[in-house]
Each structure stands twice: as structure tokens, then as C-alpha cells.
N, C-alpha and C. Protein backbone atom coordinates (compact mmCIF):
# COMPACT_ATOMS: atom_id res chain seq x y z
N MET A 1 -10.13 35.66 -35.65
CA MET A 1 -9.37 34.43 -35.48
C MET A 1 -8.59 34.45 -34.16
N VAL A 2 -7.95 35.58 -33.85
CA VAL A 2 -7.18 35.71 -32.61
C VAL A 2 -8.13 35.63 -31.41
N ALA A 3 -9.29 36.29 -31.51
CA ALA A 3 -10.26 36.27 -30.41
C ALA A 3 -10.76 34.85 -30.16
N LYS A 4 -11.01 34.08 -31.23
CA LYS A 4 -11.47 32.71 -31.09
C LYS A 4 -10.40 31.85 -30.42
N SER A 5 -9.14 32.07 -30.77
CA SER A 5 -8.03 31.34 -30.18
C SER A 5 -7.89 31.66 -28.70
N MET A 6 -8.11 32.92 -28.33
CA MET A 6 -8.02 33.33 -26.93
C MET A 6 -9.16 32.69 -26.12
N ASN A 7 -10.36 32.61 -26.71
CA ASN A 7 -11.49 31.99 -26.01
C ASN A 7 -11.23 30.51 -25.75
N VAL A 8 -10.66 29.81 -26.73
CA VAL A 8 -10.34 28.40 -26.56
C VAL A 8 -9.28 28.26 -25.47
N SER A 9 -8.29 29.13 -25.46
CA SER A 9 -7.24 29.09 -24.43
C SER A 9 -7.83 29.34 -23.05
N ASN A 10 -8.72 30.31 -22.95
CA ASN A 10 -9.35 30.61 -21.65
C ASN A 10 -10.18 29.43 -21.16
N VAL A 11 -10.92 28.81 -22.06
CA VAL A 11 -11.73 27.66 -21.69
C VAL A 11 -10.82 26.51 -21.23
N LEU A 12 -9.73 26.29 -21.96
CA LEU A 12 -8.79 25.23 -21.60
C LEU A 12 -8.19 25.47 -20.21
N VAL A 13 -7.84 26.72 -19.91
CA VAL A 13 -7.29 27.05 -18.60
C VAL A 13 -8.34 26.79 -17.52
N LEU A 14 -9.58 27.14 -17.77
CA LEU A 14 -10.64 26.90 -16.80
C LEU A 14 -10.88 25.40 -16.57
N VAL A 15 -10.84 24.62 -17.64
CA VAL A 15 -11.03 23.18 -17.52
C VAL A 15 -9.90 22.56 -16.70
N ILE A 16 -8.67 22.96 -16.96
CA ILE A 16 -7.53 22.44 -16.20
C ILE A 16 -7.63 22.86 -14.74
N ALA A 17 -7.99 24.11 -14.49
CA ALA A 17 -8.13 24.58 -13.11
C ALA A 17 -9.23 23.80 -12.38
N ALA A 18 -10.33 23.56 -13.05
CA ALA A 18 -11.42 22.80 -12.44
C ALA A 18 -10.99 21.37 -12.14
N ALA A 19 -10.24 20.76 -13.05
CA ALA A 19 -9.75 19.39 -12.82
C ALA A 19 -8.81 19.34 -11.64
N VAL A 20 -7.90 20.29 -11.53
CA VAL A 20 -6.96 20.33 -10.41
C VAL A 20 -7.72 20.52 -9.10
N PHE A 21 -8.69 21.42 -9.09
CA PHE A 21 -9.50 21.66 -7.89
C PHE A 21 -10.25 20.40 -7.49
N THR A 22 -10.84 19.72 -8.46
CA THR A 22 -11.60 18.50 -8.19
C THR A 22 -10.69 17.42 -7.63
N LEU A 23 -9.54 17.21 -8.24
CA LEU A 23 -8.62 16.18 -7.76
C LEU A 23 -8.10 16.52 -6.38
N HIS A 24 -7.81 17.78 -6.14
CA HIS A 24 -7.32 18.18 -4.82
C HIS A 24 -8.39 17.95 -3.76
N GLY A 25 -9.64 18.15 -4.11
CA GLY A 25 -10.74 17.97 -3.17
C GLY A 25 -11.01 16.52 -2.81
N THR A 26 -10.43 15.57 -3.56
CA THR A 26 -10.67 14.16 -3.27
C THR A 26 -9.52 13.52 -2.50
N GLU A 27 -8.58 14.32 -2.00
CA GLU A 27 -7.49 13.76 -1.22
C GLU A 27 -8.04 13.14 0.05
N ALA A 28 -7.41 12.07 0.45
CA ALA A 28 -7.82 11.40 1.68
C ALA A 28 -7.41 12.22 2.89
N ALA A 29 -8.29 12.23 3.87
CA ALA A 29 -7.95 12.87 5.15
C ALA A 29 -7.29 11.82 6.03
N GLN A 30 -6.52 12.27 7.01
CA GLN A 30 -5.89 11.34 7.93
C GLN A 30 -6.32 11.68 9.34
N TYR A 31 -6.70 10.65 10.10
CA TYR A 31 -7.16 10.83 11.47
C TYR A 31 -6.43 9.84 12.38
N THR A 32 -6.20 10.24 13.61
CA THR A 32 -5.69 9.34 14.63
C THR A 32 -6.86 8.93 15.51
N VAL A 33 -7.18 7.65 15.47
CA VAL A 33 -8.32 7.14 16.24
C VAL A 33 -8.05 7.34 17.73
N GLY A 34 -8.99 8.01 18.39
CA GLY A 34 -8.85 8.30 19.82
C GLY A 34 -8.01 9.54 20.09
N ASP A 35 -7.57 10.22 19.03
CA ASP A 35 -6.71 11.41 19.16
C ASP A 35 -5.52 11.11 20.08
N GLU A 36 -5.31 11.90 21.12
CA GLU A 36 -4.15 11.73 22.00
C GLU A 36 -4.20 10.40 22.77
N LEU A 37 -5.38 9.91 23.04
CA LEU A 37 -5.54 8.65 23.76
C LEU A 37 -4.98 7.48 22.97
N GLY A 38 -5.16 7.52 21.65
CA GLY A 38 -4.75 6.40 20.81
C GLY A 38 -5.73 5.25 20.94
N TRP A 39 -5.26 4.05 20.61
CA TRP A 39 -6.09 2.85 20.65
C TRP A 39 -5.70 2.05 21.89
N THR A 40 -6.48 2.19 22.95
CA THR A 40 -6.22 1.56 24.23
C THR A 40 -7.54 1.40 24.98
N ILE A 41 -7.50 0.86 26.17
CA ILE A 41 -8.72 0.80 26.99
C ILE A 41 -9.02 2.24 27.40
N PRO A 42 -10.16 2.77 26.97
CA PRO A 42 -10.46 4.18 27.27
C PRO A 42 -10.94 4.37 28.71
N PRO A 43 -10.48 5.43 29.36
CA PRO A 43 -10.90 5.67 30.75
C PRO A 43 -12.41 5.91 30.87
N GLY A 44 -13.05 6.39 29.80
CA GLY A 44 -14.48 6.68 29.84
C GLY A 44 -15.33 5.55 29.31
N GLY A 45 -14.76 4.37 29.08
CA GLY A 45 -15.52 3.25 28.55
C GLY A 45 -15.84 3.41 27.08
N ALA A 46 -16.77 2.60 26.58
CA ALA A 46 -17.11 2.55 25.16
C ALA A 46 -17.59 3.89 24.62
N ALA A 47 -18.14 4.74 25.47
CA ALA A 47 -18.63 6.05 25.02
C ALA A 47 -17.49 6.92 24.46
N THR A 48 -16.27 6.68 24.92
CA THR A 48 -15.12 7.46 24.45
C THR A 48 -14.94 7.31 22.95
N TYR A 49 -14.88 6.07 22.46
CA TYR A 49 -14.68 5.85 21.03
C TYR A 49 -15.94 6.13 20.23
N ALA A 50 -17.11 5.90 20.82
CA ALA A 50 -18.36 6.23 20.13
C ALA A 50 -18.42 7.74 19.89
N SER A 51 -17.99 8.52 20.87
CA SER A 51 -17.97 9.97 20.73
C SER A 51 -16.97 10.40 19.67
N TRP A 52 -15.80 9.76 19.66
CA TRP A 52 -14.78 10.09 18.65
C TRP A 52 -15.35 9.83 17.25
N ALA A 53 -15.97 8.68 17.06
CA ALA A 53 -16.52 8.33 15.75
C ALA A 53 -17.62 9.31 15.32
N ALA A 54 -18.44 9.75 16.26
CA ALA A 54 -19.54 10.67 15.94
C ALA A 54 -19.03 12.04 15.49
N LYS A 55 -17.83 12.41 15.90
CA LYS A 55 -17.26 13.72 15.55
C LYS A 55 -16.61 13.74 14.17
N HIS A 56 -16.46 12.60 13.53
CA HIS A 56 -15.73 12.52 12.27
C HIS A 56 -16.61 12.00 11.14
N ASN A 57 -16.61 12.70 10.03
CA ASN A 57 -17.31 12.26 8.83
C ASN A 57 -16.29 11.57 7.94
N LEU A 58 -16.18 10.28 8.09
CA LEU A 58 -15.19 9.51 7.34
C LEU A 58 -15.71 9.17 5.96
N VAL A 59 -14.80 9.16 4.99
CA VAL A 59 -15.14 8.73 3.63
C VAL A 59 -14.14 7.67 3.19
N VAL A 60 -14.55 6.90 2.20
CA VAL A 60 -13.70 5.85 1.65
C VAL A 60 -12.35 6.45 1.28
N LEU A 61 -11.30 5.74 1.58
CA LEU A 61 -9.90 6.08 1.34
C LEU A 61 -9.30 7.05 2.36
N ASP A 62 -10.08 7.46 3.37
CA ASP A 62 -9.46 8.21 4.47
C ASP A 62 -8.46 7.27 5.15
N ILE A 63 -7.44 7.86 5.74
CA ILE A 63 -6.40 7.09 6.41
C ILE A 63 -6.61 7.22 7.92
N LEU A 64 -6.74 6.08 8.59
CA LEU A 64 -6.89 6.07 10.04
C LEU A 64 -5.63 5.52 10.68
N THR A 65 -5.09 6.26 11.63
CA THR A 65 -3.91 5.82 12.36
C THR A 65 -4.38 5.21 13.68
N PHE A 66 -3.95 3.99 13.92
CA PHE A 66 -4.23 3.32 15.18
C PHE A 66 -2.90 3.21 15.93
N ASN A 67 -2.77 3.97 17.01
CA ASN A 67 -1.57 3.94 17.85
C ASN A 67 -1.82 3.06 19.06
N PHE A 68 -1.00 2.04 19.22
CA PHE A 68 -1.11 1.17 20.39
C PHE A 68 0.21 0.47 20.64
N ALA A 69 0.35 -0.04 21.85
CA ALA A 69 1.56 -0.76 22.24
C ALA A 69 1.48 -2.20 21.74
N VAL A 70 2.47 -2.60 20.95
CA VAL A 70 2.52 -3.97 20.44
C VAL A 70 2.60 -4.94 21.62
N GLY A 71 1.79 -5.96 21.56
CA GLY A 71 1.77 -6.96 22.62
C GLY A 71 0.82 -6.62 23.76
N GLU A 72 0.31 -5.38 23.78
CA GLU A 72 -0.64 -4.97 24.82
C GLU A 72 -2.03 -4.74 24.25
N GLN A 73 -2.12 -4.47 22.96
CA GLN A 73 -3.37 -4.30 22.25
C GLN A 73 -3.18 -4.86 20.84
N ASP A 74 -4.29 -5.01 20.15
CA ASP A 74 -4.28 -5.30 18.73
C ASP A 74 -5.54 -4.66 18.15
N LEU A 75 -5.77 -4.87 16.89
CA LEU A 75 -6.93 -4.30 16.22
C LEU A 75 -7.60 -5.42 15.45
N ALA A 76 -8.86 -5.67 15.74
CA ALA A 76 -9.58 -6.76 15.09
C ALA A 76 -10.86 -6.25 14.45
N LEU A 77 -11.07 -6.67 13.22
CA LEU A 77 -12.31 -6.39 12.50
C LEU A 77 -13.25 -7.55 12.79
N VAL A 78 -14.45 -7.24 13.25
CA VAL A 78 -15.43 -8.26 13.63
C VAL A 78 -16.78 -7.95 13.01
N THR A 79 -17.68 -8.90 13.08
CA THR A 79 -19.06 -8.67 12.62
C THR A 79 -19.78 -7.80 13.65
N LYS A 80 -20.90 -7.25 13.25
CA LYS A 80 -21.69 -6.43 14.18
C LYS A 80 -22.13 -7.26 15.38
N GLU A 81 -22.53 -8.50 15.13
CA GLU A 81 -22.99 -9.36 16.21
C GLU A 81 -21.86 -9.60 17.22
N ASP A 82 -20.65 -9.88 16.73
CA ASP A 82 -19.52 -10.10 17.62
C ASP A 82 -19.11 -8.80 18.32
N PHE A 83 -19.23 -7.68 17.64
CA PHE A 83 -18.95 -6.37 18.23
C PHE A 83 -19.89 -6.12 19.41
N ASP A 84 -21.19 -6.32 19.18
CA ASP A 84 -22.18 -6.08 20.23
C ASP A 84 -21.97 -6.99 21.44
N ALA A 85 -21.56 -8.24 21.17
CA ALA A 85 -21.38 -9.21 22.25
C ALA A 85 -19.95 -9.23 22.80
N CYS A 86 -19.07 -8.40 22.24
CA CYS A 86 -17.64 -8.43 22.60
C CYS A 86 -17.07 -9.85 22.46
N ASN A 87 -17.46 -10.51 21.39
CA ASN A 87 -16.94 -11.85 21.08
C ASN A 87 -15.77 -11.69 20.12
N THR A 88 -14.57 -12.00 20.59
CA THR A 88 -13.38 -11.86 19.76
C THR A 88 -12.77 -13.21 19.41
N ALA A 89 -13.54 -14.29 19.58
CA ALA A 89 -13.02 -15.63 19.32
C ALA A 89 -12.75 -15.90 17.84
N ASP A 90 -13.49 -15.25 16.96
CA ASP A 90 -13.37 -15.53 15.52
C ASP A 90 -13.41 -14.24 14.70
N PRO A 91 -12.42 -13.35 14.86
CA PRO A 91 -12.43 -12.09 14.12
C PRO A 91 -12.22 -12.31 12.63
N LEU A 92 -12.68 -11.37 11.83
CA LEU A 92 -12.51 -11.43 10.38
C LEU A 92 -11.07 -11.11 9.98
N LEU A 93 -10.44 -10.25 10.77
CA LEU A 93 -9.10 -9.75 10.45
C LEU A 93 -8.47 -9.30 11.75
N VAL A 94 -7.20 -9.65 11.98
CA VAL A 94 -6.48 -9.18 13.16
C VAL A 94 -5.22 -8.49 12.70
N LEU A 95 -5.02 -7.27 13.19
CA LEU A 95 -3.84 -6.48 12.87
C LEU A 95 -3.07 -6.30 14.18
N GLN A 96 -1.85 -6.80 14.22
CA GLN A 96 -1.09 -6.80 15.46
C GLN A 96 -0.08 -5.68 15.55
N GLN A 97 -0.01 -4.87 14.51
CA GLN A 97 0.94 -3.75 14.49
C GLN A 97 0.16 -2.43 14.44
N PRO A 98 0.60 -1.44 15.20
CA PRO A 98 -0.02 -0.12 15.05
C PRO A 98 0.33 0.42 13.67
N GLY A 99 -0.45 1.34 13.20
CA GLY A 99 -0.13 1.91 11.89
C GLY A 99 -1.29 2.62 11.26
N ASP A 100 -1.13 2.88 9.98
CA ASP A 100 -2.10 3.61 9.19
C ASP A 100 -2.87 2.62 8.32
N TYR A 101 -4.20 2.77 8.32
CA TYR A 101 -5.05 1.85 7.58
C TYR A 101 -6.04 2.63 6.73
N ILE A 102 -6.30 2.10 5.53
CA ILE A 102 -7.28 2.68 4.61
C ILE A 102 -8.46 1.72 4.51
N PHE A 103 -9.65 2.28 4.54
CA PHE A 103 -10.87 1.50 4.36
C PHE A 103 -11.35 1.80 2.95
N GLN A 104 -11.38 0.77 2.10
CA GLN A 104 -11.54 0.96 0.66
C GLN A 104 -12.96 0.82 0.14
N ARG A 105 -13.92 0.67 1.01
CA ARG A 105 -15.30 0.65 0.52
C ARG A 105 -16.21 1.28 1.58
N GLU A 106 -17.36 1.73 1.11
CA GLU A 106 -18.28 2.38 2.04
C GLU A 106 -18.96 1.35 2.91
N GLY A 107 -19.44 1.81 4.05
CA GLY A 107 -20.20 0.95 4.94
C GLY A 107 -19.71 1.03 6.38
N MET A 108 -20.30 0.18 7.21
CA MET A 108 -19.95 0.10 8.62
C MET A 108 -18.83 -0.91 8.83
N PHE A 109 -17.91 -0.55 9.69
CA PHE A 109 -16.82 -1.44 10.09
C PHE A 109 -16.80 -1.47 11.61
N TYR A 110 -16.66 -2.66 12.16
CA TYR A 110 -16.69 -2.86 13.61
C TYR A 110 -15.32 -3.36 14.06
N LEU A 111 -14.67 -2.58 14.90
CA LEU A 111 -13.30 -2.87 15.33
C LEU A 111 -13.23 -2.98 16.84
N THR A 112 -12.38 -3.88 17.30
CA THR A 112 -12.18 -4.05 18.73
C THR A 112 -10.78 -4.59 18.97
N CYS A 113 -10.49 -4.89 20.20
CA CYS A 113 -9.23 -5.50 20.60
C CYS A 113 -9.54 -6.93 21.06
N THR A 114 -8.68 -7.89 20.69
CA THR A 114 -8.94 -9.28 21.06
C THR A 114 -8.37 -9.66 22.42
N PHE A 115 -7.62 -8.78 23.08
CA PHE A 115 -7.06 -9.10 24.38
C PHE A 115 -8.19 -9.21 25.41
N ALA A 116 -8.08 -10.17 26.31
CA ALA A 116 -9.13 -10.48 27.29
C ALA A 116 -9.57 -9.23 28.05
N GLY A 117 -10.88 -8.97 28.01
CA GLY A 117 -11.48 -7.89 28.77
C GLY A 117 -11.41 -6.51 28.13
N HIS A 118 -10.60 -6.33 27.10
CA HIS A 118 -10.44 -5.00 26.50
C HIS A 118 -11.73 -4.49 25.85
N CYS A 119 -12.40 -5.34 25.11
CA CYS A 119 -13.66 -4.93 24.47
C CYS A 119 -14.70 -4.58 25.52
N ASP A 120 -14.83 -5.43 26.53
CA ASP A 120 -15.81 -5.18 27.60
C ASP A 120 -15.55 -3.87 28.33
N LYS A 121 -14.29 -3.44 28.35
CA LYS A 121 -13.94 -2.18 29.01
C LYS A 121 -14.02 -0.99 28.06
N GLY A 122 -14.48 -1.22 26.83
CA GLY A 122 -14.73 -0.11 25.91
C GLY A 122 -13.76 0.06 24.76
N GLN A 123 -12.81 -0.85 24.59
CA GLN A 123 -11.87 -0.72 23.47
C GLN A 123 -12.50 -1.33 22.23
N LYS A 124 -13.45 -0.57 21.68
CA LYS A 124 -14.14 -0.97 20.46
C LYS A 124 -14.72 0.28 19.81
N ILE A 125 -14.83 0.23 18.49
CA ILE A 125 -15.35 1.38 17.76
C ILE A 125 -16.07 0.91 16.50
N ALA A 126 -17.21 1.53 16.23
CA ALA A 126 -17.97 1.29 15.00
C ALA A 126 -17.76 2.52 14.12
N LEU A 127 -17.29 2.29 12.90
CA LEU A 127 -16.99 3.40 12.00
C LEU A 127 -17.80 3.27 10.72
N TYR A 128 -18.38 4.38 10.29
CA TYR A 128 -19.09 4.40 9.02
C TYR A 128 -18.27 5.20 8.02
N PHE A 129 -18.04 4.62 6.84
CA PHE A 129 -17.33 5.29 5.75
C PHE A 129 -18.31 5.56 4.64
N ALA A 130 -18.48 6.84 4.32
CA ALA A 130 -19.36 7.27 3.24
C ALA A 130 -18.58 7.16 1.92
N PRO A 131 -19.28 7.12 0.80
CA PRO A 131 -18.58 7.11 -0.49
C PRO A 131 -17.75 8.37 -0.63
N SER A 132 -16.59 8.27 -1.27
CA SER A 132 -15.77 9.46 -1.48
C SER A 132 -16.28 10.22 -2.69
N GLY A 133 -15.95 11.49 -2.75
CA GLY A 133 -16.30 12.30 -3.91
C GLY A 133 -17.63 13.00 -3.82
N GLY A 134 -18.34 12.82 -2.76
CA GLY A 134 -19.62 13.49 -2.61
C GLY A 134 -19.86 13.81 -1.17
N SER A 135 -21.03 14.32 -0.89
CA SER A 135 -21.33 14.61 0.50
C SER A 135 -21.60 13.30 1.21
N PRO A 136 -21.16 13.18 2.47
CA PRO A 136 -21.35 11.93 3.19
C PRO A 136 -22.83 11.60 3.34
N SER A 137 -23.15 10.33 3.13
CA SER A 137 -24.52 9.91 3.34
C SER A 137 -24.67 9.50 4.80
N PRO A 138 -25.86 9.52 5.31
CA PRO A 138 -26.04 9.18 6.72
C PRO A 138 -25.65 7.74 7.00
N SER A 139 -25.18 7.48 8.22
CA SER A 139 -24.82 6.11 8.55
C SER A 139 -26.07 5.27 8.68
N PRO A 140 -25.92 3.97 8.39
CA PRO A 140 -27.08 3.10 8.49
C PRO A 140 -27.54 2.97 9.93
N ALA A 141 -28.74 2.51 10.10
CA ALA A 141 -29.30 2.34 11.45
C ALA A 141 -28.42 1.40 12.26
N ALA A 142 -28.34 1.66 13.55
CA ALA A 142 -27.48 0.87 14.43
C ALA A 142 -27.83 -0.61 14.42
N GLY A 143 -29.07 -0.94 14.16
CA GLY A 143 -29.48 -2.33 14.17
C GLY A 143 -29.25 -3.06 12.87
N GLN A 144 -28.72 -2.40 11.85
CA GLN A 144 -28.54 -3.04 10.56
C GLN A 144 -27.53 -4.18 10.66
N SER A 145 -27.87 -5.31 10.10
CA SER A 145 -27.02 -6.51 10.17
C SER A 145 -26.23 -6.68 8.88
N GLN A 146 -25.15 -7.46 8.97
CA GLN A 146 -24.33 -7.75 7.80
C GLN A 146 -24.46 -9.23 7.47
N SER A 147 -24.36 -9.54 6.17
CA SER A 147 -24.35 -10.95 5.77
C SER A 147 -22.92 -11.47 5.84
N GLN A 148 -22.76 -12.79 5.75
CA GLN A 148 -21.44 -13.40 5.82
C GLN A 148 -20.57 -12.92 4.66
N SER A 149 -21.15 -12.78 3.44
CA SER A 149 -20.35 -12.33 2.30
C SER A 149 -19.91 -10.88 2.49
N GLN A 150 -20.75 -10.04 3.09
CA GLN A 150 -20.34 -8.68 3.39
C GLN A 150 -19.18 -8.68 4.36
N SER A 151 -19.19 -9.59 5.33
CA SER A 151 -18.11 -9.67 6.30
C SER A 151 -16.79 -9.99 5.63
N ALA A 152 -16.79 -10.89 4.67
CA ALA A 152 -15.57 -11.21 3.93
C ALA A 152 -15.11 -10.00 3.14
N ASP A 153 -16.04 -9.27 2.55
CA ASP A 153 -15.69 -8.04 1.83
C ASP A 153 -15.11 -7.01 2.77
N ASP A 154 -15.61 -6.93 4.01
CA ASP A 154 -15.09 -5.99 4.99
C ASP A 154 -13.61 -6.23 5.24
N ALA A 155 -13.24 -7.49 5.45
CA ALA A 155 -11.85 -7.81 5.74
C ALA A 155 -10.95 -7.46 4.56
N ALA A 156 -11.41 -7.69 3.35
CA ALA A 156 -10.61 -7.38 2.16
C ALA A 156 -10.51 -5.87 1.94
N ALA A 157 -11.42 -5.11 2.52
CA ALA A 157 -11.44 -3.66 2.30
C ALA A 157 -10.48 -2.88 3.19
N VAL A 158 -9.90 -3.53 4.20
CA VAL A 158 -8.99 -2.85 5.12
C VAL A 158 -7.56 -3.12 4.67
N LYS A 159 -6.81 -2.06 4.42
CA LYS A 159 -5.43 -2.20 3.95
C LYS A 159 -4.49 -1.41 4.83
N PHE A 160 -3.34 -2.01 5.14
CA PHE A 160 -2.26 -1.32 5.84
C PHE A 160 -1.55 -0.43 4.84
N VAL A 161 -1.21 0.79 5.25
CA VAL A 161 -0.51 1.71 4.37
C VAL A 161 0.90 1.89 4.89
N SER A 162 1.87 1.69 4.02
CA SER A 162 3.26 1.89 4.39
C SER A 162 3.46 3.32 4.86
N LYS A 163 4.26 3.53 5.92
CA LYS A 163 4.52 4.87 6.45
C LYS A 163 5.11 5.79 5.39
N LYS A 164 5.87 5.24 4.46
CA LYS A 164 6.55 6.05 3.44
C LYS A 164 5.65 6.39 2.27
N GLU A 165 4.59 5.65 2.10
CA GLU A 165 3.80 5.81 0.88
C GLU A 165 2.30 5.90 1.19
N TYR A 166 1.68 7.00 0.85
CA TYR A 166 0.26 7.20 1.07
C TYR A 166 -0.49 7.32 -0.25
N GLY A 167 -1.79 7.43 -0.13
CA GLY A 167 -2.64 7.71 -1.28
C GLY A 167 -2.72 6.56 -2.24
N PHE A 168 -2.37 6.81 -3.52
CA PHE A 168 -2.53 5.81 -4.56
C PHE A 168 -1.28 4.94 -4.70
N LYS A 169 -0.41 4.99 -3.73
CA LYS A 169 0.83 4.23 -3.81
C LYS A 169 0.66 2.86 -3.16
N LYS A 170 1.74 2.21 -2.85
CA LYS A 170 1.77 0.83 -2.39
C LYS A 170 0.85 0.57 -1.19
N LEU A 171 0.01 -0.42 -1.30
CA LEU A 171 -0.87 -0.86 -0.22
C LEU A 171 -0.53 -2.30 0.10
N MET A 172 -0.45 -2.61 1.38
CA MET A 172 -0.16 -3.98 1.79
C MET A 172 -1.36 -4.52 2.55
N PRO A 173 -1.84 -5.72 2.19
CA PRO A 173 -3.01 -6.26 2.91
C PRO A 173 -2.66 -6.65 4.33
N GLY A 174 -3.66 -6.57 5.21
CA GLY A 174 -3.50 -7.03 6.59
C GLY A 174 -3.54 -8.55 6.61
N THR A 175 -3.29 -9.14 7.73
CA THR A 175 -3.34 -10.59 7.87
C THR A 175 -4.80 -10.99 8.01
N MET A 176 -5.31 -11.64 7.01
CA MET A 176 -6.73 -11.99 7.00
C MET A 176 -6.91 -13.43 7.44
N LYS A 177 -7.76 -13.62 8.40
CA LYS A 177 -8.09 -14.96 8.87
C LYS A 177 -9.03 -15.60 7.86
N SER A 178 -8.80 -16.85 7.52
CA SER A 178 -9.67 -17.50 6.55
C SER A 178 -11.08 -17.64 7.13
N LEU A 179 -12.05 -17.50 6.25
CA LEU A 179 -13.46 -17.55 6.69
C LEU A 179 -14.04 -18.92 6.43
């Protein structure tokens, strides 16, 4: 009877340890886009941010910090077509404050700056977010297009995170332009 009780206790301890390990492994990572450069017109052109994105395996719920000077840059979510053409006339979402942002669904997100000439000078980045909780899946082909409904979902998937509260705590939506 005592041996059976000890086996149940050992199994329970292992189950709890496994649960803690699993939960700890799903914590969101935090990255600063552009590292020390931040979010600005890159001296190396568009290749600068493309290189940064290629070095990071992002997953859903990772936190991305965009550092930029208010009034000199902004952050706009656009369609792939607008990203490729550097068309910022009708962005899906414009964020005018630097800060921390969470991307809440998997897929490609296309970001740029709406200030005149900034996108053409390389202030744009395409980011792929893999599903969380597993190994990252490969990013879709560069030529893959998005539908209009996917674009609306993209804007709803980007959330500003309060500096005081991360993870599963308070999330505030960005300013979404009506579609």
C-alpha cells in the first residue's frame, strides 16, 4: 500500500514538472526590430530589414519592439501588393507610437512607414510568424498573395502591449483604419 502511494506521488510530481516545463517553453520571446538601428530608414536599404527578419524564427505571441522617433516615422501594416509597390496610401493599420506589439496569428505580415520616401529607401519589413508551441514551419513563398478578408484579419491580429503588462495580460488594439 505504501509503495503504491509512493508511485502515485512520483507520477504526480513528474506530471507537474512536465506541465511547468511545457508552459515555460511557450513563453513569448521579445525582439527589437532592427536591433540597435531600431525602426528607421536603414543605411543599407531594404536588405537591412530583410536580413534582420531572416535571422529570427518568430512565432505567434512573440513581442516585437519597434523603436522610432514620434513624428519622424510610423509603423503601417499593408498588403503584400502595397508592400511590394511601396504604396502607403491605404494601409490596413497605422501605429504612430513606438512600442511593443504582439502578432496573434500565424502568417506573413508586411510592415512599412507611411512617411514620404521611407519605404522606397528600405524602411519596410516582411515578417513570418509560425504557430506557437511547435517547431516553426517554413515561411510561405515570397509570391504568395493575400485575400481582402485575410488583410482585415491581419490588422486585427496586431496588438499594442502595455509597457507594464506582458504575456497574457492587458492588450490594447492599435488604431485600425476601416476597410
